[in-house]
Amino acid sequence: MCIISFIAFGQIKNIDMKKQKPKNLTECIQMLDKNLKKQDKEYIKTLTEDEFFMESHFTLGMGIRNEWIRSGNPELVKFFLDQGVKHPDDMSAMILTSYYRYLTNSND
């Protein structure tokens, strides 16, 4: 079982990324929203989009890349390839950015 750590309020919170494999961006956002703790979401809302991306690229983003993109999830990879997104870093960046915008109700 792979548990991905996300740091918020100086404590490590765990998200189990292997439970389900999302098939598209909407499912990625739904799964992140379901699995992130309320205090993590509140912390994310205090960050700018750039701050969130920088804090999460090598933590939550790495978990997304390793467990949702690189570990045999052809439906999600195909979804991104169909959108013209080819690199795993770009795929996870799209997921993180979309989740941040969903959570903060912003479209920037």
PDB file of N, CA and C in Angstrom:
ATOM      1  N   MET A   1       0.846  -1.169   0.000  1.00  0.00           N
ATOM      2  CA  MET A   1       0.000   0.000   0.000  1.00  0.00           C
ATOM      3  C   MET A   1       0.894   1.236   0.000  1.00  0.00           C
ATOM      4  N   CYS A   2       0.575   2.161  -0.848  1.00  0.00           N
ATOM      5  CA  CYS A   2       1.358   3.399  -0.925  1.00  0.00           C
ATOM      6  C   CYS A   2       0.557   4.527  -0.294  1.00  0.00           C
ATOM      7  N   ILE A   3       1.148   5.160   0.676  1.00  0.00           N
ATOM      8  CA  ILE A   3       0.519   6.295   1.334  1.00  0.00           C
ATOM      9  C   ILE A   3       1.322   7.532   0.965  1.00  0.00           C
ATOM     10  N   ILE A   4       0.660   8.538   0.443  1.00  0.00           N
ATOM     11  CA  ILE A   4       1.318   9.770   0.045  1.00  0.00           C
ATOM     12  C   ILE A   4       1.144  10.794   1.159  1.00  0.00           C
ATOM     13  N   SER A   5       2.209  11.475   1.498  1.00  0.00           N
ATOM     14  CA  SER A   5       2.160  12.469   2.567  1.00  0.00           C
ATOM     15  C   SER A   5       1.903  13.853   2.005  1.00  0.00           C
ATOM     16  N   PHE A   6       1.086  14.610   2.681  1.00  0.00           N
ATOM     17  CA  PHE A   6       0.815  16.001   2.337  1.00  0.00           C
ATOM     18  C   PHE A   6       0.995  16.793   3.617  1.00  0.00           C
ATOM     19  N   ILE A   7       1.783  17.840   3.574  1.00  0.00           N
ATOM     20  CA  ILE A   7       2.092  18.601   4.780  1.00  0.00           C
ATOM     21  C   ILE A   7       1.157  19.798   4.896  1.00  0.00           C
ATOM     22  N   ALA A   8       0.503  19.893   6.022  1.00  0.00           N
ATOM     23  CA  ALA A   8      -0.373  21.032   6.303  1.00  0.00           C
ATOM     24  C   ALA A   8      -0.348  21.285   7.800  1.00  0.00           C
ATOM     25  N   PHE A   9      -0.276  22.541   8.170  1.00  0.00           N
ATOM     26  CA  PHE A   9      -0.239  22.913   9.578  1.00  0.00           C
ATOM     27  C   PHE A   9       0.899  22.222  10.317  1.00  0.00           C
ATOM     28  N   GLY A  10       1.998  21.929   9.601  1.00  0.00           N
ATOM     29  CA  GLY A  10       3.155  21.322  10.236  1.00  0.00           C
ATOM     30  C   GLY A  10       2.993  19.852  10.555  1.00  0.00           C
ATOM     31  N   GLN A  11       1.896  19.238  10.137  1.00  0.00           N
ATOM     32  CA  GLN A  11       1.680  17.824  10.389  1.00  0.00           C
ATOM     33  C   GLN A  11       1.548  17.101   9.061  1.00  0.00           C
ATOM     34  N   ILE A  12       1.877  15.820   9.062  1.00  0.00           N
ATOM     35  CA  ILE A  12       1.764  15.025   7.846  1.00  0.00           C
ATOM     36  C   ILE A  12       0.400  14.358   7.826  1.00  0.00           C
ATOM     37  N   LYS A  13      -0.292  14.541   6.733  1.00  0.00           N
ATOM     38  CA  LYS A  13      -1.587  13.905   6.521  1.00  0.00           C
ATOM     39  C   LYS A  13      -1.409  12.877   5.414  1.00  0.00           C
ATOM     40  N   ASN A  14      -2.094  11.749   5.503  1.00  0.00           N
ATOM     41  CA  ASN A  14      -1.913  10.671   4.533  1.00  0.00           C
ATOM     42  C   ASN A  14      -3.118  10.514   3.622  1.00  0.00           C
ATOM     43  N   ILE A  15      -2.796  10.226   2.375  1.00  0.00           N
ATOM     44  CA  ILE A  15      -3.822   9.942   1.378  1.00  0.00           C
ATOM     45  C   ILE A  15      -3.456   8.616   0.728  1.00  0.00           C
ATOM     46  N   ASP A  16      -4.365   7.665   0.715  1.00  0.00           N
ATOM     47  CA  ASP A  16      -4.117   6.387   0.062  1.00  0.00           C
ATOM     48  C   ASP A  16      -4.492   6.528  -1.408  1.00  0.00           C
ATOM     49  N   MET A  17      -3.483   6.571  -2.274  1.00  0.00           N
ATOM     50  CA  MET A  17      -3.703   6.809  -3.696  1.00  0.00           C
ATOM     51  C   MET A  17      -4.009   5.524  -4.466  1.00  0.00           C
ATOM     52  N   LYS A  18      -3.890   4.361  -3.833  1.00  0.00           N
ATOM     53  CA  LYS A  18      -4.086   3.107  -4.557  1.00  0.00           C
ATOM     54  C   LYS A  18      -5.514   2.582  -4.473  1.00  0.00           C
ATOM     55  N   LYS A  19      -6.351   3.192  -3.664  1.00  0.00           N
ATOM     56  CA  LYS A  19      -7.705   2.670  -3.481  1.00  0.00           C
ATOM     57  C   LYS A  19      -8.476   2.629  -4.793  1.00  0.00           C
ATOM     58  N   GLN A  20      -8.434   3.713  -5.533  1.00  0.00           N
ATOM     59  CA  GLN A  20      -9.145   3.791  -6.803  1.00  0.00           C
ATOM     60  C   GLN A  20      -8.275   4.505  -7.814  1.00  0.00           C
ATOM     61  N   LYS A  21      -8.512   4.221  -9.078  1.00  0.00           N
ATOM     62  CA  LYS A  21      -7.776   4.869 -10.160  1.00  0.00           C
ATOM     63  C   LYS A  21      -8.756   5.730 -10.959  1.00  0.00           C
ATOM     64  N   PRO A  22      -8.553   7.044 -10.950  1.00  0.00           N
ATOM     65  CA  PRO A  22      -9.445   7.913 -11.722  1.00  0.00           C
ATOM     66  C   PRO A  22      -9.229   7.722 -13.224  1.00  0.00           C
ATOM     67  N   LYS A  23     -10.291   7.983 -13.993  1.00  0.00           N
ATOM     68  CA  LYS A  23     -10.236   7.792 -15.442  1.00  0.00           C
ATOM     69  C   LYS A  23     -10.136   9.098 -16.207  1.00  0.00           C
ATOM     70  N   ASN A  24     -10.393  10.217 -15.518  1.00  0.00           N
ATOM     71  CA  ASN A  24     -10.360  11.520 -16.187  1.00  0.00           C
ATOM     72  C   ASN A  24     -10.122  12.608 -15.139  1.00  0.00           C
ATOM     73  N   LEU A  25     -10.035  13.834 -15.593  1.00  0.00           N
ATOM     74  CA  LEU A  25      -9.730  14.947 -14.695  1.00  0.00           C
ATOM     75  C   LEU A  25     -10.817  15.143 -13.639  1.00  0.00           C
ATOM     76  N   THR A  26     -12.059  15.002 -14.027  1.00  0.00           N
ATOM     77  CA  THR A  26     -13.163  15.161 -13.077  1.00  0.00           C
ATOM     78  C   THR A  26     -13.050  14.151 -11.936  1.00  0.00           C
ATOM     79  N   GLU A  27     -12.760  12.900 -12.270  1.00  0.00           N
ATOM     80  CA  GLU A  27     -12.610  11.880 -11.229  1.00  0.00           C
ATOM     81  C   GLU A  27     -11.396  12.153 -10.350  1.00  0.00           C
ATOM     82  N   CYS A  28     -10.319  12.694 -10.925  1.00  0.00           N
ATOM     83  CA  CYS A  28      -9.143  13.057 -10.121  1.00  0.00           C
ATOM     84  C   CYS A  28      -9.532  14.089  -9.066  1.00  0.00           C
ATOM     85  N   ILE A  29     -10.246  15.115  -9.487  1.00  0.00           N
ATOM     86  CA  ILE A  29     -10.665  16.178  -8.572  1.00  0.00           C
ATOM     87  C   ILE A  29     -11.586  15.612  -7.491  1.00  0.00           C
ATOM     88  N   GLN A  30     -12.526  14.765  -7.892  1.00  0.00           N
ATOM     89  CA  GLN A  30     -13.446  14.170  -6.926  1.00  0.00           C
ATOM     90  C   GLN A  30     -12.704  13.324  -5.892  1.00  0.00           C
ATOM     91  N   MET A  31     -11.728  12.543  -6.348  1.00  0.00           N
ATOM     92  CA  MET A  31     -10.989  11.674  -5.428  1.00  0.00           C
ATOM     93  C   MET A  31     -10.102  12.475  -4.484  1.00  0.00           C
ATOM     94  N   LEU A  32      -9.464  13.520  -5.003  1.00  0.00           N
ATOM     95  CA  LEU A  32      -8.666  14.377  -4.121  1.00  0.00           C
ATOM     96  C   LEU A  32      -9.562  15.031  -3.081  1.00  0.00           C
ATOM     97  N   ASP A  33     -10.702  15.543  -3.517  1.00  0.00           N
ATOM     98  CA  ASP A  33     -11.594  16.238  -2.600  1.00  0.00           C
ATOM     99  C   ASP A  33     -12.141  15.293  -1.537  1.00  0.00           C
ATOM    100  N   LYS A  34     -12.411  14.070  -1.922  1.00  0.00           N
ATOM    101  CA  LYS A  34     -12.929  13.083  -0.974  1.00  0.00           C
ATOM    102  C   LYS A  34     -11.867  12.671   0.046  1.00  0.00           C
ATOM    103  N   ASN A  35     -10.614  12.584  -0.384  1.00  0.00           N
ATOM    104  CA  ASN A  35      -9.564  12.028   0.470  1.00  0.00           C
ATOM    105  C   ASN A  35      -8.748  13.041   1.254  1.00  0.00           C
ATOM    106  N   LEU A  36      -8.713  14.286   0.819  1.00  0.00           N
ATOM    107  CA  LEU A  36      -7.986  15.294   1.596  1.00  0.00           C
ATOM    108  C   LEU A  36      -8.795  15.665   2.834  1.00  0.00           C
ATOM    109  N   LYS A  37      -8.118  15.824   3.936  1.00  0.00           N
ATOM    110  CA  LYS A  37      -8.789  16.203   5.183  1.00  0.00           C
ATOM    111  C   LYS A  37      -9.220  17.670   5.127  1.00  0.00           C
ATOM    112  N   LYS A  38     -10.243  17.984   5.904  1.00  0.00           N
ATOM    113  CA  LYS A  38     -10.784  19.343   5.936  1.00  0.00           C
ATOM    114  C   LYS A  38      -9.696  20.369   6.254  1.00  0.00           C
ATOM    115  N   GLN A  39      -8.822  20.067   7.214  1.00  0.00           N
ATOM    116  CA  GLN A  39      -7.782  21.036   7.575  1.00  0.00           C
ATOM    117  C   GLN A  39      -6.778  21.216   6.437  1.00  0.00           C
ATOM    118  N   ASP A  40      -6.533  20.169   5.641  1.00  0.00           N
ATOM    119  CA  ASP A  40      -5.662  20.320   4.478  1.00  0.00           C
ATOM    120  C   ASP A  40      -6.306  21.239   3.443  1.00  0.00           C
ATOM    121  N   LYS A  41      -7.602  21.058   3.237  1.00  0.00           N
ATOM    122  CA  LYS A  41      -8.320  21.911   2.277  1.00  0.00           C
ATOM    123  C   LYS A  41      -8.308  23.366   2.733  1.00  0.00           C
ATOM    124  N   GLU A  42      -8.517  23.577   4.017  1.00  0.00           N
ATOM    125  CA  GLU A  42      -8.496  24.949   4.539  1.00  0.00           C
ATOM    126  C   GLU A  42      -7.109  25.564   4.382  1.00  0.00           C
ATOM    127  N   TYR A  43      -6.081  24.764   4.611  1.00  0.00           N
ATOM    128  CA  TYR A  43      -4.710  25.248   4.430  1.00  0.00           C
ATOM    129  C   TYR A  43      -4.456  25.612   2.964  1.00  0.00           C
ATOM    130  N   ILE A  44      -4.877  24.752   2.056  1.00  0.00           N
ATOM    131  CA  ILE A  44      -4.691  25.012   0.621  1.00  0.00           C
ATOM    132  C   ILE A  44      -5.332  26.336   0.236  1.00  0.00           C
ATOM    133  N   LYS A  45      -6.493  26.620   0.794  1.00  0.00           N
ATOM    134  CA  LYS A  45      -7.202  27.867   0.469  1.00  0.00           C
ATOM    135  C   LYS A  45      -6.436  29.108   0.901  1.00  0.00           C
ATOM    136  N   THR A  46      -5.493  28.965   1.838  1.00  0.00           N
ATOM    137  CA  THR A  46      -4.704  30.124   2.278  1.00  0.00           C
ATOM    138  C   THR A  46      -3.535  30.404   1.338  1.00  0.00           C
ATOM    139  N   LEU A  47      -3.267  29.484   0.427  1.00  0.00           N
ATOM    140  CA  LEU A  47      -2.123  29.603  -0.472  1.00  0.00           C
ATOM    141  C   LEU A  47      -2.529  30.223  -1.801  1.00  0.00           C
ATOM    142  N   THR A  48      -1.566  30.844  -2.464  1.00  0.00           N
ATOM    143  CA  THR A  48      -1.794  31.237  -3.852  1.00  0.00           C
ATOM    144  C   THR A  48      -1.672  29.972  -4.698  1.00  0.00           C
ATOM    145  N   GLU A  49      -2.102  30.057  -5.937  1.00  0.00           N
ATOM    146  CA  GLU A  49      -1.991  28.904  -6.828  1.00  0.00           C
ATOM    147  C   GLU A  49      -0.532  28.476  -6.982  1.00  0.00           C
ATOM    148  N   ASP A  50       0.361  29.437  -7.144  1.00  0.00           N
ATOM    149  CA  ASP A  50       1.787  29.120  -7.284  1.00  0.00           C
ATOM    150  C   ASP A  50       2.348  28.478  -6.018  1.00  0.00           C
ATOM    151  N   GLU A  51       1.960  28.989  -4.853  1.00  0.00           N
ATOM    152  CA  GLU A  51       2.430  28.408  -3.591  1.00  0.00           C
ATOM    153  C   GLU A  51       1.950  26.964  -3.450  1.00  0.00           C
ATOM    154  N   PHE A  52       0.681  26.731  -3.775  1.00  0.00           N
ATOM    155  CA  PHE A  52       0.140  25.376  -3.692  1.00  0.00           C
ATOM    156  C   PHE A  52       0.901  24.442  -4.624  1.00  0.00           C
ATOM    157  N   PHE A  53       1.134  24.897  -5.850  1.00  0.00           N
ATOM    158  CA  PHE A  53       1.840  24.052  -6.806  1.00  0.00           C
ATOM    159  C   PHE A  53       3.252  23.728  -6.314  1.00  0.00           C
ATOM    160  N   MET A  54       3.946  24.740  -5.810  1.00  0.00           N
ATOM    161  CA  MET A  54       5.317  24.521  -5.333  1.00  0.00           C
ATOM    162  C   MET A  54       5.347  23.574  -4.128  1.00  0.00           C
ATOM    163  N   GLU A  55       4.387  23.704  -3.225  1.00  0.00           N
ATOM    164  CA  GLU A  55       4.350  22.845  -2.037  1.00  0.00           C
ATOM    165  C   GLU A  55       3.922  21.418  -2.362  1.00  0.00           C
ATOM    166  N   SER A  56       3.132  21.247  -3.398  1.00  0.00           N
ATOM    167  CA  SER A  56       2.555  19.929  -3.656  1.00  0.00           C
ATOM    168  C   SER A  56       3.217  19.155  -4.794  1.00  0.00           C
ATOM    169  N   HIS A  57       4.058  19.795  -5.602  1.00  0.00           N
ATOM    170  CA  HIS A  57       4.637  19.110  -6.763  1.00  0.00           C
ATOM    171  C   HIS A  57       5.418  17.856  -6.370  1.00  0.00           C
ATOM    172  N   PHE A  58       6.214  17.927  -5.316  1.00  0.00           N
ATOM    173  CA  PHE A  58       7.036  16.782  -4.929  1.00  0.00           C
ATOM    174  C   PHE A  58       6.419  15.944  -3.813  1.00  0.00           C
ATOM    175  N   THR A  59       5.212  16.252  -3.400  1.00  0.00           N
ATOM    176  CA  THR A  59       4.525  15.455  -2.379  1.00  0.00           C
ATOM    177  C   THR A  59       3.274  14.853  -3.007  1.00  0.00           C
ATOM    178  N   LEU A  60       2.196  15.566  -2.969  1.00  0.00           N
ATOM    179  CA  LEU A  60       0.947  15.101  -3.553  1.00  0.00           C
ATOM    180  C   LEU A  60       1.103  14.865  -5.054  1.00  0.00           C
ATOM    181  N   GLY A  61       1.800  15.762  -5.731  1.00  0.00           N
ATOM    182  CA  GLY A  61       2.020  15.608  -7.171  1.00  0.00           C
ATOM    183  C   GLY A  61       2.792  14.346  -7.507  1.00  0.00           C
ATOM    184  N   MET A  62       3.790  14.021  -6.688  1.00  0.00           N
ATOM    185  CA  MET A  62       4.559  12.796  -6.920  1.00  0.00           C
ATOM    186  C   MET A  62       3.678  11.566  -6.739  1.00  0.00           C
ATOM    187  N   GLY A  63       2.812  11.605  -5.744  1.00  0.00           N
ATOM    188  CA  GLY A  63       1.878  10.503  -5.545  1.00  0.00           C
ATOM    189  C   GLY A  63       0.949  10.334  -6.733  1.00  0.00           C
ATOM    190  N   ILE A  64       0.463  11.440  -7.266  1.00  0.00           N
ATOM    191  CA  ILE A  64      -0.396  11.398  -8.449  1.00  0.00           C
ATOM    192  C   ILE A  64       0.365  10.776  -9.616  1.00  0.00           C
ATOM    193  N   ARG A  65       1.589  11.234  -9.829  1.00  0.00           N
ATOM    194  CA  ARG A  65       2.380  10.697 -10.945  1.00  0.00           C
ATOM    195  C   ARG A  65       2.666   9.205 -10.763  1.00  0.00           C
ATOM    196  N   ASN A  66       3.074   8.824  -9.566  1.00  0.00           N
ATOM    197  CA  ASN A  66       3.461   7.428  -9.335  1.00  0.00           C
ATOM    198  C   ASN A  66       2.279   6.478  -9.291  1.00  0.00           C
ATOM    199  N   GLU A  67       1.196   6.881  -8.658  1.00  0.00           N
ATOM    200  CA  GLU A  67       0.077   5.957  -8.440  1.00  0.00           C
ATOM    201  C   GLU A  67      -1.054   6.082  -9.455  1.00  0.00           C
ATOM    202  N   TRP A  68      -1.262   7.247 -10.011  1.00  0.00           N
ATOM    203  CA  TRP A  68      -2.366   7.417 -10.953  1.00  0.00           C
ATOM    204  C   TRP A  68      -1.901   7.447 -12.403  1.00  0.00           C
ATOM    205  N   ILE A  69      -0.665   7.844 -12.658  1.00  0.00           N
ATOM    206  CA  ILE A  69      -0.221   8.026 -14.041  1.00  0.00           C
ATOM    207  C   ILE A  69       0.754   6.929 -14.470  1.00  0.00           C
ATOM    208  N   ARG A  70       1.781   6.675 -13.691  1.00  0.00           N
ATOM    209  CA  ARG A  70       2.836   5.741 -14.107  1.00  0.00           C
ATOM    210  C   ARG A  70       2.560   4.284 -13.744  1.00  0.00           C
ATOM    211  N   SER A  71       1.605   4.020 -12.904  1.00  0.00           N
ATOM    212  CA  SER A  71       1.436   2.650 -12.388  1.00  0.00           C
ATOM    213  C   SER A  71       0.366   1.852 -13.124  1.00  0.00           C
ATOM    214  N   GLY A  72       0.262   2.051 -14.383  1.00  0.00           N
ATOM    215  CA  GLY A  72      -0.670   1.244 -15.156  1.00  0.00           C
ATOM    216  C   GLY A  72      -2.106   1.712 -15.068  1.00  0.00           C
ATOM    217  N   ASN A  73      -2.343   2.956 -15.374  1.00  0.00           N
ATOM    218  CA  ASN A  73      -3.694   3.506 -15.415  1.00  0.00           C
ATOM    219  C   ASN A  73      -3.937   4.032 -16.833  1.00  0.00           C
ATOM    220  N   PRO A  74      -4.127   3.111 -17.792  1.00  0.00           N
ATOM    221  CA  PRO A  74      -4.195   3.528 -19.195  1.00  0.00           C
ATOM    222  C   PRO A  74      -5.346   4.483 -19.514  1.00  0.00           C
ATOM    223  N   GLU A  75      -6.449   4.381 -18.797  1.00  0.00           N
ATOM    224  CA  GLU A  75      -7.577   5.270 -19.097  1.00  0.00           C
ATOM    225  C   GLU A  75      -7.242   6.725 -18.782  1.00  0.00           C
ATOM    226  N   LEU A  76      -6.596   6.972 -17.644  1.00  0.00           N
ATOM    227  CA  LEU A  76      -6.233   8.342 -17.286  1.00  0.00           C
ATOM    228  C   LEU A  76      -5.144   8.872 -18.221  1.00  0.00           C
ATOM    229  N   VAL A  77      -4.152   8.048 -18.514  1.00  0.00           N
ATOM    230  CA  VAL A  77      -3.088   8.473 -19.433  1.00  0.00           C
ATOM    231  C   VAL A  77      -3.680   8.788 -20.797  1.00  0.00           C
ATOM    232  N   LYS A  78      -4.576   7.940 -21.292  1.00  0.00           N
ATOM    233  CA  LYS A  78      -5.223   8.187 -22.588  1.00  0.00           C
ATOM    234  C   LYS A  78      -6.012   9.489 -22.555  1.00  0.00           C
ATOM    235  N   PHE A  79      -6.701   9.747 -21.452  1.00  0.00           N
ATOM    236  CA  PHE A  79      -7.448  11.000 -21.322  1.00  0.00           C
ATOM    237  C   PHE A  79      -6.517  12.186 -21.550  1.00  0.00           C
ATOM    238  N   PHE A  80      -5.366  12.190 -20.886  1.00  0.00           N
ATOM    239  CA  PHE A  80      -4.437  13.313 -21.028  1.00  0.00           C
ATOM    240  C   PHE A  80      -3.792  13.349 -22.407  1.00  0.00           C
ATOM    241  N   LEU A  81      -3.423  12.191 -22.948  1.00  0.00           N
ATOM    242  CA  LEU A  81      -2.842  12.169 -24.294  1.00  0.00           C
ATOM    243  C   LEU A  81      -3.825  12.731 -25.313  1.00  0.00           C
ATOM    244  N   ASP A  82      -5.103  12.401 -25.159  1.00  0.00           N
ATOM    245  CA  ASP A  82      -6.144  12.940 -26.049  1.00  0.00           C
ATOM    246  C   ASP A  82      -6.260  14.454 -25.934  1.00  0.00           C
ATOM    247  N   GLN A  83      -5.855  15.009 -24.793  1.00  0.00           N
ATOM    248  CA  GLN A  83      -5.871  16.463 -24.581  1.00  0.00           C
ATOM    249  C   GLN A  83      -4.566  17.109 -25.051  1.00  0.00           C
ATOM    250  N   GLY A  84      -3.621  16.293 -25.525  1.00  0.00           N
ATOM    251  CA  GLY A  84      -2.330  16.806 -25.967  1.00  0.00           C
ATOM    252  C   GLY A  84      -1.308  16.949 -24.855  1.00  0.00           C
ATOM    253  N   VAL A  85      -1.611  16.390 -23.680  1.00  0.00           N
ATOM    254  CA  VAL A  85      -0.704  16.460 -22.530  1.00  0.00           C
ATOM    255  C   VAL A  85       0.062  15.139 -22.484  1.00  0.00           C
ATOM    256  N   LYS A  86       1.377  15.212 -22.695  1.00  0.00           N
ATOM    257  CA  LYS A  86       2.159  13.993 -22.865  1.00  0.00           C
ATOM    258  C   LYS A  86       3.072  13.633 -21.693  1.00  0.00           C
ATOM    259  N   HIS A  87       3.545  14.589 -20.949  1.00  0.00           N
ATOM    260  CA  HIS A  87       4.521  14.312 -19.884  1.00  0.00           C
ATOM    261  C   HIS A  87       3.811  14.148 -18.537  1.00  0.00           C
ATOM    262  N   PRO A  88       4.209  13.141 -17.731  1.00  0.00           N
ATOM    263  CA  PRO A  88       3.581  12.933 -16.422  1.00  0.00           C
ATOM    264  C   PRO A  88       3.602  14.172 -15.518  1.00  0.00           C
ATOM    265  N   ASP A  89       4.684  14.959 -15.561  1.00  0.00           N
ATOM    266  CA  ASP A  89       4.725  16.193 -14.757  1.00  0.00           C
ATOM    267  C   ASP A  89       3.628  17.160 -15.185  1.00  0.00           C
ATOM    268  N   ASP A  90       3.395  17.250 -16.493  1.00  0.00           N
ATOM    269  CA  ASP A  90       2.345  18.135 -16.996  1.00  0.00           C
ATOM    270  C   ASP A  90       0.958  17.610 -16.633  1.00  0.00           C
ATOM    271  N   MET A  91       0.814  16.292 -16.649  1.00  0.00           N
ATOM    272  CA  MET A  91      -0.464  15.687 -16.265  1.00  0.00           C
ATOM    273  C   MET A  91      -0.778  15.987 -14.799  1.00  0.00           C
ATOM    274  N   SER A  92       0.207  15.757 -13.924  1.00  0.00           N
ATOM    275  CA  SER A  92      -0.040  16.023 -12.501  1.00  0.00           C
ATOM    276  C   SER A  92      -0.223  17.513 -12.250  1.00  0.00           C
ATOM    277  N   ALA A  93       0.479  18.356 -13.002  1.00  0.00           N
ATOM    278  CA  ALA A  93       0.306  19.806 -12.855  1.00  0.00           C
ATOM    279  C   ALA A  93      -1.115  20.215 -13.215  1.00  0.00           C
ATOM    280  N   MET A  94      -1.669  19.607 -14.267  1.00  0.00           N
ATOM    281  CA  MET A  94      -3.040  19.923 -14.658  1.00  0.00           C
ATOM    282  C   MET A  94      -4.020  19.492 -13.563  1.00  0.00           C
ATOM    283  N   ILE A  95      -3.770  18.337 -12.963  1.00  0.00           N
ATOM    284  CA  ILE A  95      -4.636  17.849 -11.884  1.00  0.00           C
ATOM    285  C   ILE A  95      -4.548  18.778 -10.677  1.00  0.00           C
ATOM    286  N   LEU A  96      -3.331  19.118 -10.260  1.00  0.00           N
ATOM    287  CA  LEU A  96      -3.147  19.989  -9.095  1.00  0.00           C
ATOM    288  C   LEU A  96      -3.751  21.372  -9.323  1.00  0.00           C
ATOM    289  N   THR A  97      -3.499  21.949 -10.488  1.00  0.00           N
ATOM    290  CA  THR A  97      -4.039  23.279 -10.801  1.00  0.00           C
ATOM    291  C   THR A  97      -5.558  23.243 -10.836  1.00  0.00           C
ATOM    292  N   SER A  98      -6.103  22.221 -11.467  1.00  0.00           N
ATOM    293  CA  SER A  98      -7.563  22.104 -11.552  1.00  0.00           C
ATOM    294  C   SER A  98      -8.176  21.911 -10.177  1.00  0.00           C
ATOM    295  N   TYR A  99      -7.523  21.105  -9.325  1.00  0.00           N
ATOM    296  CA  TYR A  99      -8.054  20.919  -7.974  1.00  0.00           C
ATOM    297  C   TYR A  99      -8.002  22.221  -7.187  1.00  0.00           C
ATOM    298  N   TYR A 100      -6.895  22.934  -7.272  1.00  0.00           N
ATOM    299  CA  TYR A 100      -6.779  24.214  -6.567  1.00  0.00           C
ATOM    300  C   TYR A 100      -7.892  25.165  -7.015  1.00  0.00           C
ATOM    301  N   ARG A 101      -8.108  25.262  -8.304  1.00  0.00           N
ATOM    302  CA  ARG A 101      -9.142  26.173  -8.828  1.00  0.00           C
ATOM    303  C   ARG A 101     -10.538  25.719  -8.424  1.00  0.00           C
ATOM    304  N   TYR A 102     -10.762  24.410  -8.403  1.00  0.00           N
ATOM    305  CA  TYR A 102     -12.040  23.880  -7.928  1.00  0.00           C
ATOM    306  C   TYR A 102     -12.256  24.262  -6.463  1.00  0.00           C
ATOM    307  N   LEU A 103     -11.234  24.031  -5.651  1.00  0.00           N
ATOM    308  CA  LEU A 103     -11.342  24.265  -4.210  1.00  0.00           C
ATOM    309  C   LEU A 103     -11.520  25.742  -3.881  1.00  0.00           C
ATOM    310  N   THR A 104     -10.872  26.601  -4.635  1.00  0.00           N
ATOM    311  CA  THR A 104     -10.923  28.038  -4.352  1.00  0.00           C
ATOM    312  C   THR A 104     -11.926  28.778  -5.234  1.00  0.00           C
ATOM    313  N   ASN A 105     -12.655  28.045  -6.046  1.00  0.00           N
ATOM    314  CA  ASN A 105     -13.647  28.642  -6.953  1.00  0.00           C
ATOM    315  C   ASN A 105     -13.046  29.720  -7.839  1.00  0.00           C
ATOM    316  N   SER A 106     -11.835  29.459  -8.334  1.00  0.00           N
ATOM    317  CA  SER A 106     -11.199  30.436  -9.224  1.00  0.00           C
ATOM    318  C   SER A 106     -10.960  29.813 -10.588  1.00  0.00           C
ATOM    319  N   ASN A 107     -10.904  30.651 -11.593  1.00  0.00           N
ATOM    320  CA  ASN A 107     -10.689  30.188 -12.962  1.00  0.00           C
ATOM    321  C   ASN A 107      -9.458  30.815 -13.579  1.00  0.00           C
ATOM    322  N   ASP A 108      -8.566  31.361 -12.766  1.00  0.00           N
ATOM    323  CA  ASP A 108      -7.368  32.038 -13.289  1.00  0.00           C
ATOM    324  C   ASP A 108      -6.382  31.051 -13.867  1.00  0.00           C
TER     325      ASP A 108
END
